[in-house]
Amino acid sequence: MSQQLSSAFKKRVYITAEQKRELCLLKQARPQPLNIELAQKYRISPSQVSDILSESNKWLEINPNSYQAKLKKVHTSPVANIEDALALWIQKALEYNVTITGNVIQQKALKFSELLGNNTFKASSGWLDKFKQRYSIKEYNKHGESQSAPIEQIPEMREELKEFLKNYRREDIFNCDETGLYWKMEPTRGLSTAPISGLKLNKERVTILLTCNATGTEKLLPLFIHKYENPRPLRGIKKDTLPVDYYWNNKAWMQVSIWNDYLKKLDNKMRTASRNILLLIDNAPTHILMVNKHKYSLLVSKHNCTLTTM
């Protein structure tokens, strides 16, 4: 048996960093497997198993989804000091939500090479590709607006809002938000028996603002903003007969004047019904109050605005 093992391990076999991590996890989770059993599993020598386990902390820290995890040998970059400084800068930049491109990385790398006295480093496109592989840097789309709010302050702000909401019935707590509707844009995917060619996307848009109370029992008329005062399909139709509050401007965007007119109508409606409501809105630049003879109670924080009609 020993002769067979010695002949099997005569030729040194290399395994990836991910496999080394897996080996260490197996030993950590169940210490019973002998090194010889692990050697048989990964087809390496028992001495290699011992060497790997002696550096288990190093291998356990490997990200299994990283580029380094797929390597069988550690390749040291000739400009490792520049790359280490650059990787640290990228990490800090991402914490502050800085947008990073390949060109930015190359320019920053050249700056670090200058500071470190390396006059031969060129920050070429080939180096950039390998650097991104080594540090698992990929291009991602930005999603959502999570960075618009201070995450660390959310628990405190949530408690403040809960305390303020105690003064209102849920039926009288309203929230509104606006969105763009690209009403002429066709789907980018479709069923076909063969590949199909696409057309330039039509980005004709309108803006819609929707308002609803907390219980979902009362939905106000949508606010609708078009580019034209009298588009062809609406010629001869009175705007006040439409199932929306119709506005227009050449960009079809929300404006301060439109927002305040909407608030005035809402205030009149609630006054007529003798209701005192709470309207929750975001901190968009167009959501500015131009207080005239109407009286509003406004609770403003850095990232939220709460409006009550009185």
Protein backbone atom coordinates (compact mmCIF):
# COMPACT_ATOMS: atom_id res chain seq x y z
CA MET A 1 0.00 0.00 0.00
CA SER A 2 2.77 2.41 0.91
CA GLN A 3 4.59 1.61 -2.33
CA GLN A 4 1.45 2.36 -4.32
CA LEU A 5 1.00 5.71 -2.55
CA SER A 6 4.62 6.67 -3.00
CA SER A 7 4.42 5.95 -6.74
CA ALA A 8 1.12 7.83 -7.01
CA PHE A 9 2.62 10.92 -5.37
CA LYS A 10 5.96 10.72 -7.13
CA LYS A 11 4.93 13.53 -9.46
CA ARG A 12 3.98 16.70 -7.58
CA VAL A 13 0.38 17.81 -8.28
CA TYR A 14 -0.86 21.35 -7.73
CA ILE A 15 -4.39 22.23 -6.64
CA THR A 16 -6.19 25.57 -6.72
CA ALA A 17 -6.49 27.97 -3.81
CA GLU A 18 -10.22 27.19 -3.71
CA GLN A 19 -9.45 23.46 -3.28
CA LYS A 20 -6.96 24.27 -0.51
CA ARG A 21 -9.67 26.29 1.23
CA GLU A 22 -12.08 23.36 0.86
CA LEU A 23 -9.47 20.97 2.28
CA CYS A 24 -8.97 23.20 5.33
CA LEU A 25 -12.73 23.43 5.86
CA LEU A 26 -13.03 19.63 5.77
CA LYS A 27 -10.31 19.27 8.38
CA GLN A 28 -11.83 22.05 10.49
CA ALA A 29 -15.37 20.65 10.37
CA ARG A 30 -14.40 17.03 11.07
CA PRO A 31 -10.85 16.49 12.40
CA GLN A 32 -11.18 12.69 12.01
CA PRO A 33 -10.05 12.50 8.36
CA LEU A 34 -6.39 11.57 8.32
CA ASN A 35 -4.03 13.57 6.17
CA ILE A 36 -3.53 10.49 4.02
CA GLU A 37 -7.29 10.39 3.30
CA LEU A 38 -7.28 14.04 2.29
CA ALA A 39 -4.25 13.39 0.12
CA GLN A 40 -6.12 10.62 -1.68
CA LYS A 41 -9.18 12.82 -2.16
CA TYR A 42 -7.22 15.65 -3.80
CA ARG A 43 -4.57 13.36 -5.37
CA ILE A 44 -1.69 15.16 -3.68
CA SER A 45 1.01 13.97 -1.29
CA PRO A 46 0.49 13.83 2.50
CA SER A 47 3.33 16.32 2.91
CA GLN A 48 1.42 18.80 0.72
CA VAL A 49 -1.63 18.31 2.94
CA SER A 50 0.50 19.12 6.00
CA ASP A 51 1.91 22.23 4.31
CA ILE A 52 -1.60 23.43 3.37
CA LEU A 53 -2.99 22.84 6.86
CA SER A 54 -0.06 24.71 8.41
CA GLU A 55 -1.27 27.80 6.51
CA SER A 56 -4.97 27.14 7.01
CA ASN A 57 -5.69 30.73 8.13
CA LYS A 58 -4.35 32.01 4.82
CA TRP A 59 -6.43 29.64 2.71
CA LEU A 60 -9.63 30.08 4.73
CA GLU A 61 -9.54 33.83 4.01
CA ILE A 62 -9.64 33.20 0.25
CA ASN A 63 -12.84 34.35 -1.47
CA PRO A 64 -14.04 31.27 -3.41
CA ASN A 65 -15.52 33.53 -6.10
CA SER A 66 -12.32 35.52 -6.65
CA TYR A 67 -9.80 35.23 -9.44
CA GLN A 68 -7.10 34.15 -6.97
CA ALA A 69 -9.23 31.17 -5.89
CA LYS A 70 -8.86 29.62 -9.35
CA LEU A 71 -5.05 29.83 -9.40
CA LYS A 72 -2.86 26.82 -8.67
CA LYS A 73 0.24 28.90 -8.10
CA VAL A 74 0.61 32.31 -6.50
CA HIS A 75 1.80 34.78 -9.13
CA THR A 76 3.50 37.81 -7.63
CA SER A 77 3.10 40.97 -9.69
CA PRO A 78 6.33 42.90 -10.36
CA VAL A 79 4.47 46.04 -9.29
CA ALA A 80 2.82 44.52 -6.22
CA ASN A 81 3.47 47.62 -4.09
CA ILE A 82 1.64 49.82 -6.59
CA GLU A 83 -1.25 47.37 -6.82
CA ASP A 84 -1.54 47.08 -3.03
CA ALA A 85 -1.82 50.87 -2.70
CA LEU A 86 -4.26 50.99 -5.60
CA ALA A 87 -6.45 48.21 -4.14
CA LEU A 88 -6.65 50.10 -0.82
CA TRP A 89 -7.61 53.32 -2.63
CA ILE A 90 -10.35 51.51 -4.59
CA GLN A 91 -11.76 50.02 -1.38
CA LYS A 92 -11.98 53.46 0.25
CA ALA A 93 -13.40 55.05 -2.90
CA LEU A 94 -16.18 52.48 -3.07
CA GLU A 95 -17.06 53.15 0.57
CA TYR A 96 -17.75 56.76 -0.43
CA ASN A 97 -19.75 55.64 -3.50
CA VAL A 98 -17.21 57.06 -5.97
CA THR A 99 -17.75 55.90 -9.55
CA ILE A 100 -14.61 54.10 -10.76
CA THR A 101 -13.73 53.39 -14.39
CA GLY A 102 -10.78 51.66 -16.03
CA ASN A 103 -9.29 55.01 -16.99
CA VAL A 104 -9.54 56.24 -13.40
CA ILE A 105 -7.70 53.12 -12.18
CA GLN A 106 -4.94 53.62 -14.76
CA GLN A 107 -4.46 57.30 -13.86
CA LYS A 108 -4.41 56.51 -10.15
CA ALA A 109 -1.90 53.68 -10.72
CA LEU A 110 0.43 56.06 -12.56
CA LYS A 111 0.17 58.50 -9.65
CA PHE A 112 1.08 55.79 -7.14
CA SER A 113 3.99 54.61 -9.34
CA GLU A 114 5.30 58.17 -9.36
CA LEU A 115 5.02 58.42 -5.57
CA LEU A 116 6.79 55.07 -5.16
CA GLY A 117 9.60 56.01 -7.51
CA ASN A 118 8.76 53.54 -10.29
CA ASN A 119 9.48 55.27 -13.61
CA THR A 120 9.04 52.22 -15.84
CA PHE A 121 5.43 51.37 -15.02
CA LYS A 122 3.06 52.22 -17.90
CA ALA A 123 -0.41 51.20 -16.61
CA SER A 124 -1.21 49.60 -19.97
CA SER A 125 -4.54 48.08 -20.97
CA GLY A 126 -3.02 44.60 -20.60
CA TRP A 127 -1.90 45.37 -17.05
CA LEU A 128 -5.38 46.76 -16.25
CA ASP A 129 -7.10 43.56 -17.42
CA LYS A 130 -4.79 41.39 -15.28
CA PHE A 131 -5.15 43.72 -12.28
CA LYS A 132 -8.95 43.49 -12.46
CA GLN A 133 -8.70 39.70 -12.63
CA ARG A 134 -6.33 39.51 -9.66
CA TYR A 135 -8.61 41.65 -7.49
CA SER A 136 -11.98 40.39 -8.82
CA ILE A 137 -12.97 43.82 -10.15
CA LYS A 138 -15.88 43.75 -12.59
CA GLU A 139 -18.26 46.26 -14.12
CA TYR A 140 -21.64 46.47 -12.41
CA ASN A 141 -24.77 48.52 -13.01
CA LYS A 142 -25.84 50.80 -10.21
CA HIS A 143 -29.21 49.78 -8.82
CA GLY A 144 -31.71 51.69 -6.73
CA GLU A 145 -31.11 54.77 -4.61
CA SER A 146 -29.86 53.18 -1.40
CA GLN A 147 -26.96 55.65 -1.19
CA SER A 148 -29.40 58.58 -1.08
CA ALA A 149 -30.11 57.94 2.60
CA PRO A 150 -27.67 57.89 5.56
CA ILE A 151 -27.80 54.21 6.49
CA GLU A 152 -26.39 54.74 9.97
CA GLN A 153 -29.15 57.24 10.82
CA ILE A 154 -32.08 55.16 9.57
CA PRO A 155 -32.93 53.47 12.92
CA GLU A 156 -33.02 56.84 14.72
CA MET A 157 -35.03 58.51 11.95
CA ARG A 158 -37.45 55.57 11.89
CA GLU A 159 -38.16 55.97 15.61
CA GLU A 160 -38.70 59.72 15.17
CA LEU A 161 -41.17 59.06 12.38
CA LYS A 162 -43.05 56.44 14.42
CA GLU A 163 -43.42 58.93 17.25
CA PHE A 164 -44.74 61.59 14.86
CA LEU A 165 -47.19 59.19 13.20
CA LYS A 166 -48.89 58.47 16.53
CA ASN A 167 -50.81 61.74 16.16
CA TYR A 168 -52.60 60.58 12.99
CA ARG A 169 -54.98 57.84 12.00
CA ARG A 170 -53.57 55.47 9.39
CA GLU A 171 -56.36 56.58 7.02
CA ASP A 172 -54.97 60.13 7.21
CA ILE A 173 -51.33 59.26 6.53
CA PHE A 174 -50.53 59.67 2.83
CA ASN A 175 -47.42 59.03 0.80
CA CYS A 176 -46.67 60.21 -2.74
CA ASP A 177 -43.91 59.64 -5.25
CA GLU A 178 -43.36 60.36 -8.92
CA THR A 179 -42.06 58.20 -11.72
CA GLY A 180 -41.32 58.50 -15.42
CA LEU A 181 -43.39 56.48 -17.87
CA TYR A 182 -41.82 55.78 -21.28
CA TRP A 183 -45.14 55.10 -22.92
CA LYS A 184 -43.83 54.64 -26.48
CA MET A 185 -40.91 52.35 -25.62
CA GLU A 186 -41.28 48.83 -26.98
CA PRO A 187 -40.02 45.75 -25.10
CA THR A 188 -36.35 44.92 -25.71
CA ARG A 189 -37.13 41.19 -25.89
CA GLY A 190 -39.62 39.21 -27.94
CA LEU A 191 -40.43 35.72 -29.10
CA SER A 192 -39.31 34.74 -32.59
CA THR A 193 -38.32 31.74 -34.69
CA ALA A 194 -34.99 33.43 -35.53
CA PRO A 195 -32.82 36.32 -34.34
CA ILE A 196 -34.59 39.65 -34.76
CA SER A 197 -33.21 43.14 -35.27
CA GLY A 198 -34.05 45.91 -32.88
CA LEU A 199 -34.90 49.56 -33.47
CA LYS A 200 -33.79 52.69 -31.71
CA LEU A 201 -35.74 52.97 -28.46
CA ASN A 202 -38.34 55.73 -28.35
CA LYS A 203 -37.73 57.67 -25.14
CA GLU A 204 -40.90 59.77 -25.27
CA ARG A 205 -41.95 60.07 -21.63
CA VAL A 206 -44.48 61.53 -19.24
CA THR A 207 -44.24 62.02 -15.47
CA ILE A 208 -46.84 60.57 -13.11
CA LEU A 209 -47.19 61.28 -9.39
CA LEU A 210 -49.21 58.78 -7.35
CA THR A 211 -50.60 59.38 -3.87
CA CYS A 212 -52.20 56.83 -1.54
CA ASN A 213 -52.96 56.54 2.16
CA ALA A 214 -51.36 54.00 4.52
CA THR A 215 -54.33 51.64 4.52
CA GLY A 216 -54.65 51.63 0.72
CA THR A 217 -58.30 52.62 0.97
CA GLU A 218 -57.89 56.06 -0.62
CA LYS A 219 -55.99 56.69 -3.84
CA LEU A 220 -55.94 60.27 -5.06
CA LEU A 221 -56.14 61.25 -8.71
CA PRO A 222 -52.74 60.75 -10.37
CA LEU A 223 -50.86 63.89 -11.30
CA PHE A 224 -49.97 63.64 -15.01
CA ILE A 225 -47.33 65.81 -16.73
CA HIS A 226 -47.15 65.81 -20.54
CA LYS A 227 -44.92 67.74 -22.97
CA TYR A 228 -47.86 69.46 -24.67
CA GLU A 229 -50.83 71.44 -23.45
CA ASN A 230 -53.07 70.04 -26.18
CA PRO A 231 -51.72 66.80 -27.69
CA ARG A 232 -53.67 65.61 -30.70
CA PRO A 233 -55.62 62.82 -28.89
CA LEU A 234 -56.87 65.36 -26.31
CA ARG A 235 -57.99 68.12 -28.67
CA GLY A 236 -61.50 69.25 -27.86
CA ILE A 237 -61.45 67.48 -24.47
CA LYS A 238 -61.64 69.54 -21.29
CA LYS A 239 -58.71 68.74 -19.01
CA ASP A 240 -60.83 68.84 -15.86
CA THR A 241 -62.86 65.89 -17.16
CA LEU A 242 -59.81 63.63 -17.35
CA PRO A 243 -59.21 61.01 -14.60
CA VAL A 244 -55.91 62.78 -13.79
CA ASP A 245 -54.64 66.20 -12.75
CA TYR A 246 -53.19 67.29 -16.11
CA TYR A 247 -50.09 69.53 -16.36
CA TRP A 248 -47.53 70.17 -19.07
CA ASN A 249 -44.09 71.58 -19.81
CA ASN A 250 -41.62 71.02 -22.64
CA LYS A 251 -39.66 68.40 -20.65
CA ALA A 252 -42.64 66.67 -19.04
CA TRP A 253 -40.82 66.99 -15.69
CA MET A 254 -42.05 67.89 -12.24
CA GLN A 255 -41.62 71.60 -11.47
CA VAL A 256 -41.89 73.62 -8.26
CA SER A 257 -44.92 75.48 -9.63
CA ILE A 258 -46.71 72.21 -10.51
CA TRP A 259 -45.88 70.69 -7.13
CA ASN A 260 -47.25 73.68 -5.24
CA ASP A 261 -50.40 73.80 -7.33
CA TYR A 262 -50.96 70.13 -6.56
CA LEU A 263 -50.51 70.80 -2.83
CA LYS A 264 -52.96 73.70 -3.00
CA LYS A 265 -55.63 71.48 -4.57
CA LEU A 266 -54.99 68.75 -2.02
CA ASP A 267 -55.18 71.26 0.83
CA ASN A 268 -58.50 72.64 -0.42
CA LYS A 269 -59.90 69.13 -0.74
CA MET A 270 -58.95 68.22 2.82
CA ARG A 271 -60.19 71.52 4.24
CA THR A 272 -63.56 70.92 2.62
CA ALA A 273 -63.67 67.48 4.24
CA SER A 274 -62.46 68.93 7.58
CA ARG A 275 -59.56 66.51 7.58
CA ASN A 276 -56.07 66.97 8.96
CA ILE A 277 -53.71 64.70 7.03
CA LEU A 278 -50.04 63.87 6.99
CA LEU A 279 -48.31 63.74 3.58
CA LEU A 280 -44.93 62.01 3.37
CA ILE A 281 -42.70 63.11 0.50
CA ASP A 282 -39.05 62.68 -0.51
CA ASN A 283 -36.42 65.41 -0.65
CA ALA A 284 -36.49 66.04 -4.41
CA PRO A 285 -35.36 69.61 -5.30
CA THR A 286 -38.75 70.32 -6.87
CA HIS A 287 -40.58 69.57 -3.60
CA ILE A 288 -40.14 73.11 -2.29
CA LEU A 289 -42.99 74.92 -0.57
CA MET A 290 -43.96 78.41 -1.70
CA VAL A 291 -46.15 79.31 1.29
CA ASN A 292 -48.69 82.01 0.51
CA LYS A 293 -51.94 82.38 2.41
CA HIS A 294 -52.21 78.65 3.04
CA LYS A 295 -50.69 77.51 6.28
CA TYR A 296 -48.62 74.34 6.43
CA SER A 297 -46.84 72.55 9.21
CA LEU A 298 -43.55 71.26 7.80
CA LEU A 299 -41.24 68.74 9.44
CA VAL A 300 -38.01 68.59 7.45
CA SER A 301 -34.95 66.40 7.93
CA LYS A 302 -31.92 66.03 5.67
CA HIS A 303 -33.45 63.25 3.62
CA ASN A 304 -37.20 63.32 4.28
CA CYS A 305 -39.95 65.88 4.31
CA THR A 306 -43.26 65.53 6.13
CA LEU A 307 -46.10 67.91 5.27
CA THR A 308 -49.28 68.35 7.25
CA THR A 309 -52.20 70.54 6.19
CA MET A 310 -53.79 72.64 8.85
